[in-house]
Amino acid sequence: MRRLDILKRELEIRFDFSSLAAYRSIDRYNDGRINTFNLGTFLRSCGHYASETELLAIVRRMDTDGDAQLSYSEFAEYIRSACPPSRAAMEVSERAASAERYRRCQLDSRASSPLRP
């Protein structure tokens, strides 16, 4: 379980991660729930072909109210790590976000430059 928490923490500190965006990428039909059909479609698009039993096991692992469907709150709670990120990890994430903003700003300024050939 410790390895899972480490992976969750690493995911949380990434500047480009959003649990809502992750949820929406799985819930393609925007019906506010993830079921085995949505999850299977998402996994197949990523190249993993899970059986119905595997899909149900994944959903049941995250499902807290027992309806065999995942709401956003259930999904976000499962994705959140049990340990808060350390200050050093947050600083690394902030530096990475700052570097990405700087890179995008540079690209935007080059695209709008009047001297561009």
Protein backbone atom coordinates (compact mmCIF):
# COMPACT_ATOMS: atom_id res chain seq x y z
CA MET A 1 0.00 0.00 0.00
CA ARG A 2 2.91 2.33 0.61
CA ARG A 3 3.89 2.20 -3.07
CA LEU A 4 0.37 3.22 -4.06
CA ASP A 5 0.48 6.24 -1.74
CA ILE A 6 3.83 7.28 -3.19
CA LEU A 7 2.43 7.09 -6.72
CA LYS A 8 -0.67 9.06 -5.68
CA ARG A 9 1.49 11.74 -4.07
CA GLU A 10 3.67 12.02 -7.18
CA LEU A 11 0.55 12.41 -9.28
CA GLU A 12 -0.89 15.10 -7.00
CA ILE A 13 2.20 17.31 -7.15
CA ARG A 14 2.41 17.34 -10.94
CA PHE A 15 1.55 20.79 -12.23
CA ASP A 16 -0.43 19.38 -15.14
CA PHE A 17 -2.64 17.00 -13.11
CA SER A 18 -6.27 17.66 -12.31
CA SER A 19 -8.49 15.02 -10.74
CA LEU A 20 -11.51 16.57 -12.49
CA ALA A 21 -9.82 16.33 -15.89
CA ALA A 22 -8.88 12.72 -15.16
CA TYR A 23 -12.48 11.94 -14.17
CA ARG A 24 -13.85 13.60 -17.29
CA SER A 25 -11.47 11.68 -19.55
CA ILE A 26 -12.95 8.43 -18.24
CA ASP A 27 -16.57 9.69 -18.14
CA ARG A 28 -16.75 10.36 -21.87
CA TYR A 29 -20.53 10.58 -21.99
CA ASN A 30 -20.60 13.25 -19.25
CA ASP A 31 -23.33 11.53 -17.29
CA GLY A 32 -21.65 12.17 -13.94
CA ARG A 33 -20.69 8.60 -13.16
CA ILE A 34 -18.09 6.05 -14.13
CA ASN A 35 -19.32 2.51 -14.56
CA THR A 36 -17.68 -0.60 -16.00
CA PHE A 37 -18.67 0.39 -19.54
CA ASN A 38 -17.01 3.85 -19.32
CA LEU A 39 -13.96 2.41 -17.62
CA GLY A 40 -13.63 -0.39 -20.19
CA THR A 41 -13.89 2.09 -23.07
CA PHE A 42 -11.22 4.28 -21.50
CA LEU A 43 -8.84 1.38 -20.83
CA ARG A 44 -9.29 0.02 -24.37
CA SER A 45 -8.38 3.44 -25.77
CA CYS A 46 -5.19 3.19 -23.70
CA GLY A 47 -4.43 -0.30 -25.03
CA HIS A 48 -5.52 -2.39 -22.02
CA TYR A 49 -8.28 -4.90 -22.58
CA ALA A 50 -9.76 -5.76 -19.18
CA SER A 51 -12.39 -8.41 -18.60
CA GLU A 52 -15.76 -7.50 -17.11
CA THR A 53 -14.66 -9.09 -13.83
CA GLU A 54 -11.52 -6.92 -13.71
CA LEU A 55 -13.52 -3.80 -14.49
CA LEU A 56 -16.02 -4.56 -11.76
CA ALA A 57 -13.18 -5.18 -9.29
CA ILE A 58 -11.64 -1.79 -10.14
CA VAL A 59 -14.95 0.03 -9.70
CA ARG A 60 -15.75 -1.78 -6.44
CA ARG A 61 -12.30 -0.89 -5.05
CA MET A 62 -13.11 2.83 -5.35
CA ASP A 63 -16.89 2.70 -4.78
CA THR A 64 -17.88 3.73 -1.27
CA ASP A 65 -21.68 3.73 -1.50
CA GLY A 66 -22.03 0.32 -3.16
CA ASP A 67 -23.90 1.34 -6.31
CA ALA A 68 -21.17 -0.04 -8.67
CA GLN A 69 -20.68 3.43 -10.13
CA LEU A 70 -18.15 6.12 -9.29
CA SER A 71 -19.16 9.67 -8.64
CA TYR A 72 -16.54 12.38 -8.89
CA SER A 73 -16.24 12.60 -5.09
CA GLU A 74 -15.54 8.86 -4.81
CA PHE A 75 -12.98 9.04 -7.61
CA ALA A 76 -11.24 12.12 -6.18
CA GLU A 77 -11.13 10.61 -2.69
CA TYR A 78 -9.47 7.46 -4.02
CA ILE A 79 -6.93 9.40 -6.11
CA ARG A 80 -5.95 11.63 -3.15
CA SER A 81 -2.95 10.29 -1.25
CA ALA A 82 -3.20 9.54 2.44
CA CYS A 83 -0.06 11.55 3.20
CA PRO A 84 0.11 15.25 2.38
CA PRO A 85 2.92 16.15 -0.03
CA SER A 86 6.12 17.28 1.61
CA ARG A 87 7.22 20.91 1.38
CA ALA A 88 10.21 19.91 -0.77
CA ALA A 89 7.94 18.09 -3.23
CA MET A 90 5.63 21.10 -3.41
CA GLU A 91 8.59 23.39 -4.13
CA VAL A 92 9.72 21.11 -6.96
CA SER A 93 6.19 21.16 -8.36
CA GLU A 94 6.02 24.97 -8.12
CA ARG A 95 9.37 25.32 -9.92
CA ALA A 96 8.20 22.97 -12.67
CA ALA A 97 4.97 24.94 -13.07
CA SER A 98 6.92 28.20 -13.21
CA ALA A 99 9.27 26.79 -15.85
CA GLU A 100 6.30 25.59 -17.91
CA ARG A 101 4.62 29.02 -17.72
CA TYR A 102 7.89 30.65 -18.81
CA ARG A 103 8.24 28.21 -21.73
CA ARG A 104 4.66 28.87 -22.87
CA CYS A 105 5.18 32.61 -22.59
CA GLN A 106 8.28 32.37 -24.75
CA LEU A 107 6.41 30.33 -27.37
CA ASP A 108 3.51 32.81 -27.37
CA SER A 109 5.81 35.79 -27.77
CA ARG A 110 7.60 34.13 -30.71
CA ALA A 111 4.29 33.36 -32.41
CA SER A 112 3.07 36.95 -32.13
CA SER A 113 6.37 38.61 -33.03
CA PRO A 114 6.11 41.04 -35.97
CA LEU A 115 9.61 39.99 -37.05
CA ARG A 116 8.55 36.43 -37.57
CA PRO A 117 9.29 35.29 -41.16
